[in-house]
Amino acid sequence: MYFLEKLVPLVLGHFVADFAIQTDTVAINKCPNNNSKININWSWWMTGHVSLHGLIVFFVTGNSYLAFAEAIIHFYIDYLKCMGKFNLLIDQTLHIICKMIWVLFIIST
């Protein structure tokens, strides 16, 4: 039961941050190969996006190490998706697997 009590808000928070809150502007500009006219380096957009994901993990787990790990791994996964290494389904699957790992880590400590 504890597993689901932590996993569900992590997954819901993820989908809110990745789909409801992330605007088209962020989704486009966080990629290094974007054709945007906005003169802000892609890494700033990506950092802002993954920071929100890290905060969600912190709010749900209370663990700053997991929050930092989430931000770093989310950055890498989204970067690879931007570079065309995999599609949206793989991207989202990897993100959900991370959430499962965070909960398993909490349970084991």
PDB file of N, CA and C in Angstrom:
ATOM      1  N   MET A   1       0.818  -1.197   0.000  1.00  0.00           N
ATOM      2  CA  MET A   1       0.000   0.000   0.000  1.00  0.00           C
ATOM      3  C   MET A   1       0.863   1.264   0.000  1.00  0.00           C
ATOM      4  N   TYR A   2       1.922   1.278   0.810  1.00  0.00           N
ATOM      5  CA  TYR A   2       2.803   2.444   0.879  1.00  0.00           C
ATOM      6  C   TYR A   2       3.399   2.746  -0.491  1.00  0.00           C
ATOM      7  N   PHE A   3       3.714   1.694  -1.247  1.00  0.00           N
ATOM      8  CA  PHE A   3       4.277   1.870  -2.582  1.00  0.00           C
ATOM      9  C   PHE A   3       3.354   2.749  -3.427  1.00  0.00           C
ATOM     10  N   LEU A   4       2.083   2.405  -3.468  1.00  0.00           N
ATOM     11  CA  LEU A   4       1.127   3.175  -4.266  1.00  0.00           C
ATOM     12  C   LEU A   4       0.868   4.559  -3.688  1.00  0.00           C
ATOM     13  N   GLU A   5       0.917   4.684  -2.376  1.00  0.00           N
ATOM     14  CA  GLU A   5       0.698   5.992  -1.749  1.00  0.00           C
ATOM     15  C   GLU A   5       1.753   7.008  -2.171  1.00  0.00           C
ATOM     16  N   LYS A   6       2.939   6.548  -2.481  1.00  0.00           N
ATOM     17  CA  LYS A   6       4.002   7.441  -2.961  1.00  0.00           C
ATOM     18  C   LYS A   6       4.058   7.484  -4.485  1.00  0.00           C
ATOM     19  N   LEU A   7       3.830   6.333  -5.124  1.00  0.00           N
ATOM     20  CA  LEU A   7       3.946   6.281  -6.582  1.00  0.00           C
ATOM     21  C   LEU A   7       2.866   7.113  -7.272  1.00  0.00           C
ATOM     22  N   VAL A   8       1.644   7.017  -6.817  1.00  0.00           N
ATOM     23  CA  VAL A   8       0.543   7.724  -7.487  1.00  0.00           C
ATOM     24  C   VAL A   8       0.777   9.236  -7.527  1.00  0.00           C
ATOM     25  N   PRO A   9       1.096   9.905  -6.405  1.00  0.00           N
ATOM     26  CA  PRO A   9       1.339  11.353  -6.521  1.00  0.00           C
ATOM     27  C   PRO A   9       2.582  11.691  -7.347  1.00  0.00           C
ATOM     28  N   LEU A  10       3.583  10.825  -7.341  1.00  0.00           N
ATOM     29  CA  LEU A  10       4.755  11.070  -8.186  1.00  0.00           C
ATOM     30  C   LEU A  10       4.380  11.014  -9.662  1.00  0.00           C
ATOM     31  N   VAL A  11       3.606  10.017 -10.043  1.00  0.00           N
ATOM     32  CA  VAL A  11       3.204   9.876 -11.446  1.00  0.00           C
ATOM     33  C   VAL A  11       2.245  10.998 -11.849  1.00  0.00           C
ATOM     34  N   LEU A  12       1.273  11.295 -10.999  1.00  0.00           N
ATOM     35  CA  LEU A  12       0.346  12.387 -11.314  1.00  0.00           C
ATOM     36  C   LEU A  12       1.084  13.717 -11.421  1.00  0.00           C
ATOM     37  N   GLY A  13       1.998  13.969 -10.488  1.00  0.00           N
ATOM     38  CA  GLY A  13       2.801  15.189 -10.544  1.00  0.00           C
ATOM     39  C   GLY A  13       3.626  15.258 -11.811  1.00  0.00           C
ATOM     40  N   HIS A  14       4.152  14.115 -12.215  1.00  0.00           N
ATOM     41  CA  HIS A  14       4.946  14.060 -13.447  1.00  0.00           C
ATOM     42  C   HIS A  14       4.100  14.471 -14.653  1.00  0.00           C
ATOM     43  N   PHE A  15       2.910  13.887 -14.762  1.00  0.00           N
ATOM     44  CA  PHE A  15       2.069  14.197 -15.918  1.00  0.00           C
ATOM     45  C   PHE A  15       1.577  15.643 -15.899  1.00  0.00           C
ATOM     46  N   VAL A  16       1.310  16.178 -14.726  1.00  0.00           N
ATOM     47  CA  VAL A  16       0.930  17.594 -14.639  1.00  0.00           C
ATOM     48  C   VAL A  16       2.089  18.465 -15.125  1.00  0.00           C
ATOM     49  N   ALA A  17       3.302  18.173 -14.670  1.00  0.00           N
ATOM     50  CA  ALA A  17       4.465  18.983 -15.057  1.00  0.00           C
ATOM     51  C   ALA A  17       4.833  18.805 -16.526  1.00  0.00           C
ATOM     52  N   ASP A  18       4.696  17.584 -17.054  1.00  0.00           N
ATOM     53  CA  ASP A  18       5.104  17.324 -18.435  1.00  0.00           C
ATOM     54  C   ASP A  18       4.051  17.721 -19.465  1.00  0.00           C
ATOM     55  N   PHE A  19       2.780  17.749 -19.070  1.00  0.00           N
ATOM     56  CA  PHE A  19       1.741  18.020 -20.065  1.00  0.00           C
ATOM     57  C   PHE A  19       0.872  19.231 -19.741  1.00  0.00           C
ATOM     58  N   ALA A  20       0.443  19.390 -18.515  1.00  0.00           N
ATOM     59  CA  ALA A  20      -0.449  20.505 -18.187  1.00  0.00           C
ATOM     60  C   ALA A  20       0.317  21.814 -18.019  1.00  0.00           C
ATOM     61  N   ILE A  21       1.459  21.757 -17.360  1.00  0.00           N
ATOM     62  CA  ILE A  21       2.218  22.978 -17.059  1.00  0.00           C
ATOM     63  C   ILE A  21       3.213  23.321 -18.161  1.00  0.00           C
ATOM     64  N   GLN A  22       3.812  22.321 -18.780  1.00  0.00           N
ATOM     65  CA  GLN A  22       4.817  22.585 -19.816  1.00  0.00           C
ATOM     66  C   GLN A  22       4.129  23.159 -21.059  1.00  0.00           C
ATOM     67  N   THR A  23       4.466  24.369 -21.394  1.00  0.00           N
ATOM     68  CA  THR A  23       3.886  25.014 -22.572  1.00  0.00           C
ATOM     69  C   THR A  23       4.599  24.545 -23.834  1.00  0.00           C
ATOM     70  N   ASP A  24       4.007  24.845 -24.981  1.00  0.00           N
ATOM     71  CA  ASP A  24       4.666  24.540 -26.249  1.00  0.00           C
ATOM     72  C   ASP A  24       6.001  25.270 -26.346  1.00  0.00           C
ATOM     73  N   THR A  25       6.043  26.484 -25.822  1.00  0.00           N
ATOM     74  CA  THR A  25       7.282  27.266 -25.852  1.00  0.00           C
ATOM     75  C   THR A  25       8.398  26.540 -25.116  1.00  0.00           C
ATOM     76  N   VAL A  26       8.104  26.023 -23.936  1.00  0.00           N
ATOM     77  CA  VAL A  26       9.114  25.282 -23.175  1.00  0.00           C
ATOM     78  C   VAL A  26       9.474  23.996 -23.900  1.00  0.00           C
ATOM     79  N   ALA A  27       8.472  23.260 -24.367  1.00  0.00           N
ATOM     80  CA  ALA A  27       8.712  21.984 -25.040  1.00  0.00           C
ATOM     81  C   ALA A  27       9.627  22.148 -26.250  1.00  0.00           C
ATOM     82  N   ILE A  28       9.478  23.238 -26.966  1.00  0.00           N
ATOM     83  CA  ILE A  28      10.314  23.487 -28.145  1.00  0.00           C
ATOM     84  C   ILE A  28      11.688  24.008 -27.744  1.00  0.00           C
ATOM     85  N   ASN A  29      11.721  25.002 -26.872  1.00  0.00           N
ATOM     86  CA  ASN A  29      12.975  25.684 -26.560  1.00  0.00           C
ATOM     87  C   ASN A  29      13.909  24.903 -25.652  1.00  0.00           C
ATOM     88  N   LYS A  30      13.432  23.844 -24.988  1.00  0.00           N
ATOM     89  CA  LYS A  30      14.317  23.040 -24.137  1.00  0.00           C
ATOM     90  C   LYS A  30      15.203  22.107 -24.962  1.00  0.00           C
ATOM     91  N   CYS A  31      14.951  22.034 -26.253  1.00  0.00           N
ATOM     92  CA  CYS A  31      15.741  21.162 -27.131  1.00  0.00           C
ATOM     93  C   CYS A  31      16.869  21.950 -27.789  1.00  0.00           C
ATOM     94  N   PRO A  32      18.076  21.390 -27.799  1.00  0.00           N
ATOM     95  CA  PRO A  32      19.205  22.128 -28.368  1.00  0.00           C
ATOM     96  C   PRO A  32      19.086  22.383 -29.865  1.00  0.00           C
ATOM     97  N   ASN A  33      18.336  21.569 -30.569  1.00  0.00           N
ATOM     98  CA  ASN A  33      18.234  21.715 -32.023  1.00  0.00           C
ATOM     99  C   ASN A  33      16.959  22.441 -32.444  1.00  0.00           C
ATOM    100  N   ASN A  34      16.439  23.311 -31.575  1.00  0.00           N
ATOM    101  CA  ASN A  34      15.193  24.022 -31.896  1.00  0.00           C
ATOM    102  C   ASN A  34      15.464  25.156 -32.877  1.00  0.00           C
ATOM    103  N   ASN A  35      14.412  25.562 -33.563  1.00  0.00           N
ATOM    104  CA  ASN A  35      14.510  26.671 -34.520  1.00  0.00           C
ATOM    105  C   ASN A  35      13.823  27.919 -33.989  1.00  0.00           C
ATOM    106  N   SER A  36      13.849  28.083 -32.689  1.00  0.00           N
ATOM    107  CA  SER A  36      13.133  29.184 -32.055  1.00  0.00           C
ATOM    108  C   SER A  36      13.813  30.521 -32.316  1.00  0.00           C
ATOM    109  N   LYS A  37      12.992  31.544 -32.363  1.00  0.00           N
ATOM    110  CA  LYS A  37      13.497  32.914 -32.499  1.00  0.00           C
ATOM    111  C   LYS A  37      13.809  33.525 -31.131  1.00  0.00           C
ATOM    112  N   ILE A  38      13.433  32.826 -30.067  1.00  0.00           N
ATOM    113  CA  ILE A  38      13.695  33.323 -28.715  1.00  0.00           C
ATOM    114  C   ILE A  38      15.178  33.156 -28.418  1.00  0.00           C
ATOM    115  N   ASN A  39      15.810  34.225 -27.992  1.00  0.00           N
ATOM    116  CA  ASN A  39      17.260  34.223 -27.810  1.00  0.00           C
ATOM    117  C   ASN A  39      17.656  33.847 -26.378  1.00  0.00           C
ATOM    118  N   ILE A  40      17.206  32.680 -25.939  1.00  0.00           N
ATOM    119  CA  ILE A  40      17.601  32.145 -24.635  1.00  0.00           C
ATOM    120  C   ILE A  40      18.117  30.732 -24.881  1.00  0.00           C
ATOM    121  N   ASN A  41      19.309  30.435 -24.381  1.00  0.00           N
ATOM    122  CA  ASN A  41      19.915  29.128 -24.602  1.00  0.00           C
ATOM    123  C   ASN A  41      18.997  28.010 -24.134  1.00  0.00           C
ATOM    124  N   TRP A  42      18.947  26.929 -24.890  1.00  0.00           N
ATOM    125  CA  TRP A  42      18.070  25.789 -24.596  1.00  0.00           C
ATOM    126  C   TRP A  42      18.276  25.237 -23.188  1.00  0.00           C
ATOM    127  N   SER A  43      19.511  25.299 -22.685  1.00  0.00           N
ATOM    128  CA  SER A  43      19.801  24.692 -21.379  1.00  0.00           C
ATOM    129  C   SER A  43      19.051  25.393 -20.242  1.00  0.00           C
ATOM    130  N   TRP A  44      18.758  26.686 -20.408  1.00  0.00           N
ATOM    131  CA  TRP A  44      17.971  27.392 -19.388  1.00  0.00           C
ATOM    132  C   TRP A  44      16.535  26.876 -19.366  1.00  0.00           C
ATOM    133  N   TRP A  45      15.971  26.674 -20.540  1.00  0.00           N
ATOM    134  CA  TRP A  45      14.611  26.132 -20.635  1.00  0.00           C
ATOM    135  C   TRP A  45      14.560  24.733 -20.024  1.00  0.00           C
ATOM    136  N   MET A  46      15.548  23.915 -20.376  1.00  0.00           N
ATOM    137  CA  MET A  46      15.575  22.542 -19.864  1.00  0.00           C
ATOM    138  C   MET A  46      15.773  22.534 -18.356  1.00  0.00           C
ATOM    139  N   THR A  47      16.653  23.385 -17.860  1.00  0.00           N
ATOM    140  CA  THR A  47      16.904  23.444 -16.417  1.00  0.00           C
ATOM    141  C   THR A  47      15.643  23.848 -15.656  1.00  0.00           C
ATOM    142  N   GLY A  48      14.919  24.812 -16.168  1.00  0.00           N
ATOM    143  CA  GLY A  48      13.663  25.199 -15.530  1.00  0.00           C
ATOM    144  C   GLY A  48      12.662  24.059 -15.517  1.00  0.00           C
ATOM    145  N   HIS A  49      12.567  23.354 -16.626  1.00  0.00           N
ATOM    146  CA  HIS A  49      11.627  22.236 -16.737  1.00  0.00           C
ATOM    147  C   HIS A  49      11.971  21.116 -15.763  1.00  0.00           C
ATOM    148  N   VAL A  50      13.223  20.710 -15.726  1.00  0.00           N
ATOM    149  CA  VAL A  50      13.600  19.583 -14.856  1.00  0.00           C
ATOM    150  C   VAL A  50      13.609  19.986 -13.383  1.00  0.00           C
ATOM    151  N   SER A  51      13.798  21.259 -13.109  1.00  0.00           N
ATOM    152  CA  SER A  51      13.736  21.727 -11.718  1.00  0.00           C
ATOM    153  C   SER A  51      12.337  21.543 -11.147  1.00  0.00           C
ATOM    154  N   LEU A  52      11.328  21.795 -11.954  1.00  0.00           N
ATOM    155  CA  LEU A  52       9.952  21.560 -11.517  1.00  0.00           C
ATOM    156  C   LEU A  52       9.747  20.084 -11.175  1.00  0.00           C
ATOM    157  N   HIS A  53      10.281  19.211 -11.996  1.00  0.00           N
ATOM    158  CA  HIS A  53      10.165  17.775 -11.726  1.00  0.00           C
ATOM    159  C   HIS A  53      10.898  17.396 -10.438  1.00  0.00           C
ATOM    160  N   GLY A  54      12.057  17.978 -10.226  1.00  0.00           N
ATOM    161  CA  GLY A  54      12.778  17.725  -8.980  1.00  0.00           C
ATOM    162  C   GLY A  54      11.990  18.189  -7.769  1.00  0.00           C
ATOM    163  N   LEU A  55      11.358  19.350  -7.877  1.00  0.00           N
ATOM    164  CA  LEU A  55      10.540  19.862  -6.770  1.00  0.00           C
ATOM    165  C   LEU A  55       9.367  18.939  -6.454  1.00  0.00           C
ATOM    166  N   ILE A  56       8.742  18.415  -7.482  1.00  0.00           N
ATOM    167  CA  ILE A  56       7.623  17.489  -7.260  1.00  0.00           C
ATOM    168  C   ILE A  56       8.101  16.262  -6.497  1.00  0.00           C
ATOM    169  N   VAL A  57       9.240  15.719  -6.901  1.00  0.00           N
ATOM    170  CA  VAL A  57       9.788  14.552  -6.193  1.00  0.00           C
ATOM    171  C   VAL A  57      10.107  14.920  -4.751  1.00  0.00           C
ATOM    172  N   PHE A  58      10.654  16.100  -4.530  1.00  0.00           N
ATOM    173  CA  PHE A  58      10.950  16.518  -3.158  1.00  0.00           C
ATOM    174  C   PHE A  58       9.675  16.664  -2.330  1.00  0.00           C
ATOM    175  N   PHE A  59       8.661  17.292  -2.897  1.00  0.00           N
ATOM    176  CA  PHE A  59       7.409  17.491  -2.154  1.00  0.00           C
ATOM    177  C   PHE A  59       6.750  16.168  -1.779  1.00  0.00           C
ATOM    178  N   VAL A  60       6.848  15.175  -2.650  1.00  0.00           N
ATOM    179  CA  VAL A  60       6.207  13.884  -2.380  1.00  0.00           C
ATOM    180  C   VAL A  60       7.054  13.023  -1.453  1.00  0.00           C
ATOM    181  N   THR A  61       8.381  13.027  -1.656  1.00  0.00           N
ATOM    182  CA  THR A  61       9.246  12.110  -0.898  1.00  0.00           C
ATOM    183  C   THR A  61       9.927  12.767   0.293  1.00  0.00           C
ATOM    184  N   GLY A  62      10.117  14.085   0.248  1.00  0.00           N
ATOM    185  CA  GLY A  62      10.866  14.766   1.291  1.00  0.00           C
ATOM    186  C   GLY A  62      12.357  14.509   1.223  1.00  0.00           C
ATOM    187  N   ASN A  63      12.824  13.951   0.105  1.00  0.00           N
ATOM    188  CA  ASN A  63      14.224  13.566  -0.024  1.00  0.00           C
ATOM    189  C   ASN A  63      14.904  14.442  -1.078  1.00  0.00           C
ATOM    190  N   SER A  64      15.843  15.288  -0.652  1.00  0.00           N
ATOM    191  CA  SER A  64      16.506  16.201  -1.578  1.00  0.00           C
ATOM    192  C   SER A  64      17.454  15.477  -2.531  1.00  0.00           C
ATOM    193  N   TYR A  65      18.008  14.351  -2.111  1.00  0.00           N
ATOM    194  CA  TYR A  65      18.883  13.579  -3.003  1.00  0.00           C
ATOM    195  C   TYR A  65      18.089  12.994  -4.167  1.00  0.00           C
ATOM    196  N   LEU A  66      16.907  12.462  -3.861  1.00  0.00           N
ATOM    197  CA  LEU A  66      16.049  11.936  -4.927  1.00  0.00           C
ATOM    198  C   LEU A  66      15.572  13.063  -5.836  1.00  0.00           C
ATOM    199  N   ALA A  67      15.303  14.220  -5.272  1.00  0.00           N
ATOM    200  CA  ALA A  67      14.884  15.372  -6.074  1.00  0.00           C
ATOM    201  C   ALA A  67      15.986  15.766  -7.055  1.00  0.00           C
ATOM    202  N   PHE A  68      17.224  15.789  -6.572  1.00  0.00           N
ATOM    203  CA  PHE A  68      18.358  16.126  -7.442  1.00  0.00           C
ATOM    204  C   PHE A  68      18.553  15.053  -8.508  1.00  0.00           C
ATOM    205  N   ALA A  69      18.462  13.783  -8.102  1.00  0.00           N
ATOM    206  CA  ALA A  69      18.594  12.683  -9.061  1.00  0.00           C
ATOM    207  C   ALA A  69      17.507  12.772 -10.130  1.00  0.00           C
ATOM    208  N   GLU A  70      16.292  13.093  -9.709  1.00  0.00           N
ATOM    209  CA  GLU A  70      15.184  13.242 -10.663  1.00  0.00           C
ATOM    210  C   GLU A  70      15.501  14.327 -11.682  1.00  0.00           C
ATOM    211  N   ALA A  71      15.974  15.469 -11.215  1.00  0.00           N
ATOM    212  CA  ALA A  71      16.268  16.574 -12.129  1.00  0.00           C
ATOM    213  C   ALA A  71      17.357  16.188 -13.131  1.00  0.00           C
ATOM    214  N   ILE A  72      18.419  15.565 -12.657  1.00  0.00           N
ATOM    215  CA  ILE A  72      19.531  15.180 -13.541  1.00  0.00           C
ATOM    216  C   ILE A  72      19.085  14.131 -14.554  1.00  0.00           C
ATOM    217  N   ILE A  73      18.405  13.102 -14.080  1.00  0.00           N
ATOM    218  CA  ILE A  73      17.979  12.027 -14.983  1.00  0.00           C
ATOM    219  C   ILE A  73      16.900  12.516 -15.942  1.00  0.00           C
ATOM    220  N   HIS A  74      16.000  13.356 -15.455  1.00  0.00           N
ATOM    221  CA  HIS A  74      14.962  13.906 -16.334  1.00  0.00           C
ATOM    222  C   HIS A  74      15.612  14.742 -17.445  1.00  0.00           C
ATOM    223  N   PHE A  75      16.637  15.500 -17.091  1.00  0.00           N
ATOM    224  CA  PHE A  75      17.381  16.293 -18.078  1.00  0.00           C
ATOM    225  C   PHE A  75      17.933  15.377 -19.169  1.00  0.00           C
ATOM    226  N   TYR A  76      18.598  14.313 -18.762  1.00  0.00           N
ATOM    227  CA  TYR A  76      19.237  13.398 -19.707  1.00  0.00           C
ATOM    228  C   TYR A  76      18.202  12.709 -20.599  1.00  0.00           C
ATOM    229  N   ILE A  77      17.110  12.232 -20.004  1.00  0.00           N
ATOM    230  CA  ILE A  77      16.067  11.560 -20.786  1.00  0.00           C
ATOM    231  C   ILE A  77      15.461  12.526 -21.802  1.00  0.00           C
ATOM    232  N   ASP A  78      15.110  13.728 -21.362  1.00  0.00           N
ATOM    233  CA  ASP A  78      14.503  14.696 -22.282  1.00  0.00           C
ATOM    234  C   ASP A  78      15.489  15.135 -23.358  1.00  0.00           C
ATOM    235  N   TYR A  79      16.750  15.271 -22.995  1.00  0.00           N
ATOM    236  CA  TYR A  79      17.775  15.628 -23.982  1.00  0.00           C
ATOM    237  C   TYR A  79      17.845  14.563 -25.077  1.00  0.00           C
ATOM    238  N   LEU A  80      17.879  13.296 -24.667  1.00  0.00           N
ATOM    239  CA  LEU A  80      17.946  12.212 -25.652  1.00  0.00           C
ATOM    240  C   LEU A  80      16.699  12.182 -26.537  1.00  0.00           C
ATOM    241  N   LYS A  81      15.546  12.474 -25.957  1.00  0.00           N
ATOM    242  CA  LYS A  81      14.321  12.541 -26.764  1.00  0.00           C
ATOM    243  C   LYS A  81      14.418  13.694 -27.759  1.00  0.00           C
ATOM    244  N   CYS A  82      14.909  14.831 -27.307  1.00  0.00           N
ATOM    245  CA  CYS A  82      15.089  15.980 -28.203  1.00  0.00           C
ATOM    246  C   CYS A  82      16.011  15.644 -29.372  1.00  0.00           C
ATOM    247  N   MET A  83      16.999  14.816 -29.109  1.00  0.00           N
ATOM    248  CA  MET A  83      17.973  14.451 -30.136  1.00  0.00           C
ATOM    249  C   MET A  83      17.476  13.310 -31.030  1.00  0.00           C
ATOM    250  N   GLY A  84      16.234  12.877 -30.805  1.00  0.00           N
ATOM    251  CA  GLY A  84      15.631  11.855 -31.653  1.00  0.00           C
ATOM    252  C   GLY A  84      16.050  10.432 -31.341  1.00  0.00           C
ATOM    253  N   LYS A  85      16.597  10.206 -30.150  1.00  0.00           N
ATOM    254  CA  LYS A  85      17.053   8.860 -29.785  1.00  0.00           C
ATOM    255  C   LYS A  85      15.896   7.921 -29.475  1.00  0.00           C
ATOM    256  N   PHE A  86      14.757   8.456 -29.063  1.00  0.00           N
ATOM    257  CA  PHE A  86      13.559   7.646 -28.841  1.00  0.00           C
ATOM    258  C   PHE A  86      12.322   8.530 -28.882  1.00  0.00           C
ATOM    259  N   ASN A  87      11.164   7.885 -28.881  1.00  0.00           N
ATOM    260  CA  ASN A  87       9.899   8.611 -29.019  1.00  0.00           C
ATOM    261  C   ASN A  87       9.275   8.937 -27.663  1.00  0.00           C
ATOM    262  N   LEU A  88       8.090   9.545 -27.715  1.00  0.00           N
ATOM    263  CA  LEU A  88       7.397   9.977 -26.500  1.00  0.00           C
ATOM    264  C   LEU A  88       7.056   8.804 -25.584  1.00  0.00           C
ATOM    265  N   LEU A  89       6.658   7.674 -26.148  1.00  0.00           N
ATOM    266  CA  LEU A  89       6.299   6.517 -25.327  1.00  0.00           C
ATOM    267  C   LEU A  89       7.493   6.032 -24.508  1.00  0.00           C
ATOM    268  N   ILE A  90       8.646   5.926 -25.132  1.00  0.00           N
ATOM    269  CA  ILE A  90       9.857   5.501 -24.409  1.00  0.00           C
ATOM    270  C   ILE A  90      10.227   6.555 -23.376  1.00  0.00           C
ATOM    271  N   ASP A  91      10.156   7.813 -23.758  1.00  0.00           N
ATOM    272  CA  ASP A  91      10.444   8.924 -22.850  1.00  0.00           C
ATOM    273  C   ASP A  91       9.591   8.821 -21.582  1.00  0.00           C
ATOM    274  N   GLN A  92       8.300   8.675 -21.742  1.00  0.00           N
ATOM    275  CA  GLN A  92       7.405   8.622 -20.584  1.00  0.00           C
ATOM    276  C   GLN A  92       7.596   7.340 -19.776  1.00  0.00           C
ATOM    277  N   THR A  93       7.866   6.242 -20.449  1.00  0.00           N
ATOM    278  CA  THR A  93       8.132   4.979 -19.746  1.00  0.00           C
ATOM    279  C   THR A  93       9.361   5.110 -18.858  1.00  0.00           C
ATOM    280  N   LEU A  94      10.416   5.712 -19.372  1.00  0.00           N
ATOM    281  CA  LEU A  94      11.636   5.908 -18.577  1.00  0.00           C
ATOM    282  C   LEU A  94      11.364   6.804 -17.367  1.00  0.00           C
ATOM    283  N   HIS A  95      10.574   7.844 -17.554  1.00  0.00           N
ATOM    284  CA  HIS A  95      10.241   8.728 -16.432  1.00  0.00           C
ATOM    285  C   HIS A  95       9.461   7.979 -15.345  1.00  0.00           C
ATOM    286  N   ILE A  96       8.515   7.154 -15.745  1.00  0.00           N
ATOM    287  CA  ILE A  96       7.715   6.403 -14.767  1.00  0.00           C
ATOM    288  C   ILE A  96       8.570   5.356 -14.061  1.00  0.00           C
ATOM    289  N   ILE A  97       9.478   4.732 -14.783  1.00  0.00           N
ATOM    290  CA  ILE A  97      10.403   3.778 -14.146  1.00  0.00           C
ATOM    291  C   ILE A  97      11.222   4.487 -13.073  1.00  0.00           C
ATOM    292  N   CYS A  98      11.661   5.701 -13.354  1.00  0.00           N
ATOM    293  CA  CYS A  98      12.397   6.474 -12.342  1.00  0.00           C
ATOM    294  C   CYS A  98      11.551   6.669 -11.093  1.00  0.00           C
ATOM    295  N   LYS A  99      10.290   7.010 -11.277  1.00  0.00           N
ATOM    296  CA  LYS A  99       9.415   7.205 -10.108  1.00  0.00           C
ATOM    297  C   LYS A  99       9.302   5.922  -9.292  1.00  0.00           C
ATOM    298  N   MET A 100       9.224   4.797  -9.976  1.00  0.00           N
ATOM    299  CA  MET A 100       9.150   3.511  -9.279  1.00  0.00           C
ATOM    300  C   MET A 100      10.434   3.249  -8.492  1.00  0.00           C
ATOM    301  N   ILE A 101      11.562   3.588  -9.083  1.00  0.00           N
ATOM    302  CA  ILE A 101      12.851   3.413  -8.398  1.00  0.00           C
ATOM    303  C   ILE A 101      12.914   4.298  -7.160  1.00  0.00           C
ATOM    304  N   TRP A 102      12.432   5.540  -7.262  1.00  0.00           N
ATOM    305  CA  TRP A 102      12.464   6.437  -6.093  1.00  0.00           C
ATOM    306  C   TRP A 102      11.656   5.841  -4.941  1.00  0.00           C
ATOM    307  N   VAL A 103      10.472   5.313  -5.257  1.00  0.00           N
ATOM    308  CA  VAL A 103       9.633   4.733  -4.200  1.00  0.00           C
ATOM    309  C   VAL A 103      10.294   3.490  -3.611  1.00  0.00           C
ATOM    310  N   LEU A 104      10.865   2.652  -4.451  1.00  0.00           N
ATOM    311  CA  LEU A 104      11.561   1.463  -3.941  1.00  0.00           C
ATOM    312  C   LEU A 104      12.735   1.861  -3.052  1.00  0.00           C
ATOM    313  N   PHE A 105      13.427   2.931  -3.423  1.00  0.00           N
ATOM    314  CA  PHE A 105      14.531   3.418  -2.596  1.00  0.00           C
ATOM    315  C   PHE A 105      14.025   3.854  -1.222  1.00  0.00           C
ATOM    316  N   ILE A 106      12.933   4.603  -1.213  1.00  0.00           N
ATOM    317  CA  ILE A 106      12.368   5.071   0.059  1.00  0.00           C
ATOM    318  C   ILE A 106      11.945   3.892   0.930  1.00  0.00           C
ATOM    319  N   ILE A 107      11.301   2.917   0.333  1.00  0.00           N
ATOM    320  CA  ILE A 107      10.839   1.747   1.082  1.00  0.00           C
ATOM    321  C   ILE A 107      12.013   0.976   1.677  1.00  0.00           C
ATOM    322  N   SER A 108      13.116   0.914   0.935  1.00  0.00           N
ATOM    323  CA  SER A 108      14.261   0.106   1.378  1.00  0.00           C
ATOM    324  C   SER A 108      15.124   0.796   2.427  1.00  0.00           C
ATOM    325  N   THR A 109      14.927   2.100   2.640  1.00  0.00           N
ATOM    326  CA  THR A 109      15.774   2.803   3.618  1.00  0.00           C
ATOM    327  C   THR A 109      15.058   3.024   4.931  1.00  0.00           C
TER     328      THR A 109
END
